[in-house]
């Protein structure tokens, strides 16, 4: 004869603990299953974010290196007299770091490079320009103004020689409005150097000019440390 409690549940009382153990049925904050699931989900999301960030940094690093290689190759095609990544005393004190300088038939081009993708906009007189790449938006110093100081530092070394300010962008970029004539993409570099005319020049010995620039160029480790320290104070 079944008891009242046995009739209500339809299962003998002695079977209840076994039923609970077989299904590992747990709820609330003590549930191991949901906790593991949430932990796994959070770890997967974190790994995805880390991977995406790493991939973006790697892509930018590779793009920058390719851009630098393209600039160096294009300059080497136009002239044997090229200097890369050197430092000069600043025109108004301090130090000035120059990305590239090339001696042409009429003078020297002082070149600054910018490695960006996306859209770039900013006027010649604006202190800062803006780059929008997907959801990323960054502001940077107007490279024309920034490189003008470097151009003057180079001009101070060879005061009788024409020195021109040139800014080169690499990467897949678009300008929202036509940039200044001396702001170009790396794909335009060879034709720009080939066609650029400084105007009449009275320089007779270009070899001596380039020797002077080479003698003034600083590339030693101590100077680079001083330059980095200068950036830290700016």
Protein backbone atom coordinates (compact mmCIF):
# COMPACT_ATOMS: atom_id res chain seq x y z
CA UNK A 1 0.00 0.00 0.00
CA UNK A 2 1.40 3.39 -1.08
CA UNK A 3 1.59 6.25 1.32
CA UNK A 4 -0.02 9.62 0.56
CA UNK A 5 3.38 11.20 -0.22
CA UNK A 6 4.18 8.35 -2.60
CA UNK A 7 0.93 8.86 -4.44
CA UNK A 8 1.46 12.62 -4.83
CA UNK A 9 4.94 12.34 -6.33
CA UNK A 10 4.48 9.18 -8.29
CA UNK A 11 8.00 8.14 -7.29
CA UNK A 12 9.13 6.33 -4.18
CA UNK A 13 10.82 8.68 -1.73
CA UNK A 14 13.96 6.62 -1.69
CA UNK A 15 14.50 7.35 -5.41
CA UNK A 16 14.56 11.16 -5.08
CA UNK A 17 18.24 11.57 -4.10
CA UNK A 18 19.28 9.26 -6.95
CA UNK A 19 17.24 11.29 -9.44
CA UNK A 20 18.98 14.51 -8.40
CA UNK A 21 22.42 12.98 -8.61
CA UNK A 22 21.96 11.50 -12.07
CA UNK A 23 21.06 14.82 -13.77
CA UNK A 24 23.54 17.08 -11.91
CA UNK A 25 20.76 19.62 -11.90
CA UNK A 26 21.95 22.82 -10.20
CA UNK A 27 20.69 26.35 -10.22
CA UNK A 28 21.64 29.78 -8.93
CA UNK A 29 25.15 30.99 -8.12
CA UNK A 30 26.20 27.48 -7.17
CA UNK A 31 25.59 26.16 -10.70
CA UNK A 32 28.90 25.02 -12.17
CA UNK A 33 27.56 24.69 -15.74
CA UNK A 34 26.44 28.32 -16.23
CA UNK A 35 29.58 29.64 -14.54
CA UNK A 36 31.81 27.68 -16.88
CA UNK A 37 29.81 28.87 -19.87
CA UNK A 38 30.07 32.53 -18.88
CA UNK A 39 33.78 32.18 -18.18
CA UNK A 40 34.36 30.52 -21.57
CA UNK A 41 32.34 33.22 -23.33
CA UNK A 42 34.25 36.02 -21.60
CA UNK A 43 37.59 34.38 -22.44
CA UNK A 44 36.55 33.98 -26.08
CA UNK A 45 35.55 37.64 -26.30
CA UNK A 46 38.81 38.73 -24.70
CA UNK A 47 40.86 36.59 -27.08
CA UNK A 48 38.90 38.02 -30.03
CA UNK A 49 39.64 41.59 -28.92
CA UNK A 50 43.31 40.79 -28.33
CA UNK A 51 43.59 39.08 -31.72
CA UNK A 52 41.86 41.96 -33.50
CA UNK A 53 44.08 44.55 -31.80
CA UNK A 54 47.22 42.53 -32.57
CA UNK A 55 46.13 42.06 -36.18
CA UNK A 56 45.51 45.80 -36.57
CA UNK A 57 48.91 46.67 -35.08
CA UNK A 58 50.61 44.08 -37.30
CA UNK A 59 48.83 45.36 -40.40
CA UNK A 60 49.84 48.94 -39.60
CA UNK A 61 53.44 47.87 -38.93
CA UNK A 62 53.65 46.01 -42.24
CA UNK A 63 51.98 48.88 -44.11
CA UNK A 64 54.45 51.35 -42.59
CA UNK A 65 57.45 49.21 -43.54
CA UNK A 66 56.18 48.79 -47.09
CA UNK A 67 55.63 52.54 -47.34
CA UNK A 68 59.15 53.27 -46.11
CA UNK A 69 60.59 50.77 -48.58
CA UNK A 70 58.65 52.36 -51.45
CA UNK A 71 59.93 55.82 -50.54
CA UNK A 72 63.55 54.69 -50.24
CA UNK A 73 63.36 52.79 -53.53
CA UNK A 74 61.78 55.72 -55.37
CA UNK A 75 64.37 58.17 -54.04
CA UNK A 76 67.23 55.82 -54.95
CA UNK A 77 65.90 55.70 -58.53
CA UNK A 78 66.05 59.48 -58.82
CA UNK A 79 69.42 60.31 -57.22
CA UNK A 80 72.43 58.64 -55.57
CA UNK A 81 72.58 61.53 -53.09
CA UNK A 82 69.98 60.58 -50.48
CA UNK A 83 70.02 60.64 -46.68
CA UNK A 84 67.53 58.88 -44.40
CA UNK A 85 66.57 59.29 -40.76
CA UNK A 86 69.12 61.81 -39.53
CA UNK A 87 69.23 64.66 -37.03
CA UNK A 88 70.38 68.26 -37.38
CA UNK A 89 70.64 71.15 -34.93
CA UNK A 90 67.30 72.94 -35.03
CA UNK A 91 66.96 76.27 -36.77
CA UNK A 92 65.84 77.85 -33.48
CA UNK A 93 67.58 75.60 -30.99
CA UNK A 94 67.13 71.99 -30.00
CA UNK A 95 67.28 69.17 -32.53
CA UNK A 96 65.35 68.41 -35.71
CA UNK A 97 64.87 64.88 -37.05
CA UNK A 98 64.59 64.61 -40.83
CA UNK A 99 63.00 61.55 -42.43
CA UNK A 100 64.62 61.88 -45.87
CA UNK A 101 66.61 64.39 -47.91
CA UNK A 102 67.48 64.11 -51.58
CA UNK A 103 69.74 66.25 -53.73
CA UNK A 104 68.19 67.07 -57.10
CA UNK A 105 69.39 69.10 -60.06
CA UNK A 106 68.11 72.34 -58.54
CA UNK A 107 68.26 71.91 -54.77
CA UNK A 108 67.37 69.67 -51.85
CA UNK A 109 64.01 68.18 -50.97
CA UNK A 110 63.43 67.85 -47.22
CA UNK A 111 60.87 65.05 -46.87
CA UNK A 112 58.57 64.06 -44.05
CA UNK A 113 56.56 60.83 -44.29
CA UNK A 114 53.17 59.98 -42.81
CA UNK A 115 51.81 56.43 -42.75
CA UNK A 116 47.99 56.37 -42.58
CA UNK A 117 44.98 54.61 -44.08
CA UNK A 118 41.51 56.04 -44.51
CA UNK A 119 40.57 59.68 -44.94
CA UNK A 120 42.81 62.67 -44.18
CA UNK A 121 41.60 66.24 -43.96
CA UNK A 122 43.10 69.53 -42.83
CA UNK A 123 44.05 72.92 -44.27
CA UNK A 124 47.52 74.29 -44.92
CA UNK A 125 47.21 76.77 -42.07
CA UNK A 126 45.51 74.49 -39.55
CA UNK A 127 47.64 73.44 -36.59
CA UNK A 128 46.32 69.88 -36.66
CA UNK A 129 44.98 67.50 -39.28
CA UNK A 130 42.61 64.56 -38.80
CA UNK A 131 42.72 60.96 -39.98
CA UNK A 132 39.60 58.80 -39.95
CA UNK A 133 40.15 55.09 -40.51
CA UNK A 134 36.94 53.12 -40.01
CA UNK A 135 35.84 53.83 -36.44
CA UNK A 136 39.22 55.22 -35.46
CA UNK A 137 39.73 58.96 -35.46
CA UNK A 138 43.11 60.54 -34.65
CA UNK A 139 44.51 64.05 -34.84
CA UNK A 140 48.12 64.81 -35.70
CA UNK A 141 50.27 67.89 -36.17
CA UNK A 142 50.01 69.59 -39.54
CA UNK A 143 52.94 67.91 -41.35
CA UNK A 144 53.57 70.95 -43.55
CA UNK A 145 54.11 73.16 -40.51
CA UNK A 146 56.03 70.42 -38.70
CA UNK A 147 58.34 69.82 -41.65
CA UNK A 148 58.89 73.52 -42.24
CA UNK A 149 61.01 73.64 -39.10
CA UNK A 150 63.05 70.70 -40.39
CA UNK A 151 63.41 72.37 -43.77
CA UNK A 152 64.77 75.50 -42.10
CA UNK A 153 67.22 73.42 -40.08
CA UNK A 154 68.55 71.93 -43.33
CA UNK A 155 68.58 75.35 -44.97
CA UNK A 156 70.73 76.62 -42.09
CA UNK A 157 73.39 74.03 -42.97
CA UNK A 158 73.53 75.12 -46.63
CA UNK A 159 72.14 78.68 -46.65
CA UNK A 160 72.91 79.32 -50.33
CA UNK A 161 71.07 76.22 -51.56
CA UNK A 162 67.31 76.00 -52.33
CA UNK A 163 65.64 73.62 -49.86
CA UNK A 164 62.00 72.63 -50.33
CA UNK A 165 59.42 71.18 -47.95
CA UNK A 166 57.76 67.94 -49.16
CA UNK A 167 55.27 65.73 -47.29
CA UNK A 168 54.61 62.18 -48.50
CA UNK A 169 51.73 59.94 -47.38
CA UNK A 170 51.77 56.17 -47.70
CA UNK A 171 48.93 53.71 -47.20
CA UNK A 172 45.45 53.74 -48.72
CA UNK A 173 44.40 57.32 -48.10
CA UNK A 174 41.97 59.82 -49.53
CA UNK A 175 41.99 63.58 -49.07
CA UNK A 176 38.65 65.29 -48.53
CA UNK A 177 39.90 68.25 -50.57
CA UNK A 178 42.84 68.70 -52.96
CA UNK A 179 46.01 68.93 -50.84
CA UNK A 180 48.81 71.46 -51.33
CA UNK A 181 51.16 70.85 -54.24
CA UNK A 182 53.88 69.69 -51.88
CA UNK A 183 51.67 67.06 -50.20
CA UNK A 184 51.65 63.88 -52.27
CA UNK A 185 51.11 60.13 -52.10
CA UNK A 186 54.13 57.84 -52.39
CA UNK A 187 52.87 56.66 -55.78
CA UNK A 188 53.51 60.19 -57.10
CA UNK A 189 57.04 60.49 -55.73
CA UNK A 190 59.11 59.51 -58.77
CA UNK A 191 57.25 61.80 -61.14
CA UNK A 192 57.27 64.63 -58.58
CA UNK A 193 61.04 64.51 -58.13
CA UNK A 194 61.60 64.17 -61.88
CA UNK A 195 59.48 67.22 -62.70
CA UNK A 196 60.17 69.43 -59.71
CA UNK A 197 61.95 72.65 -60.60
CA UNK A 198 63.42 74.93 -57.95
CA UNK A 199 64.19 77.72 -60.37
CA UNK A 200 67.52 79.25 -61.36
CA UNK A 201 70.41 78.13 -59.17
CA UNK A 202 73.85 79.69 -58.84
CA UNK A 203 75.43 76.65 -57.22
CA UNK A 204 78.50 75.44 -59.09
CA UNK A 205 79.67 72.58 -56.90
CA UNK A 206 76.76 70.36 -55.85
CA UNK A 207 79.19 67.71 -54.66
CA UNK A 208 80.53 70.12 -52.03
CA UNK A 209 76.98 70.97 -51.01
CA UNK A 210 76.15 67.33 -50.35
CA UNK A 211 79.39 66.77 -48.48
CA UNK A 212 78.43 69.65 -46.19
CA UNK A 213 75.02 68.11 -45.50
CA UNK A 214 76.56 64.70 -44.81
CA UNK A 215 79.07 66.24 -42.41
CA UNK A 216 76.31 67.99 -40.48
CA UNK A 217 73.98 64.96 -40.30
CA UNK A 218 73.94 63.33 -36.85
CA UNK A 219 73.10 59.64 -36.56
CA UNK A 220 74.92 58.52 -33.40
CA UNK A 221 73.12 56.91 -30.47
CA UNK A 222 73.79 59.74 -28.03
CA UNK A 223 72.21 62.31 -30.32
CA UNK A 224 69.19 60.06 -30.80
CA UNK A 225 68.83 59.75 -27.03
CA UNK A 226 69.00 63.53 -26.71
CA UNK A 227 66.31 63.85 -29.37
CA UNK A 228 64.05 61.38 -27.58
CA UNK A 229 64.56 63.30 -24.35
CA UNK A 230 63.62 66.48 -26.19
CA UNK A 231 60.37 64.83 -27.34
CA UNK A 232 59.62 63.91 -23.75
CA UNK A 233 59.74 67.55 -22.70
CA UNK A 234 57.69 68.83 -25.65
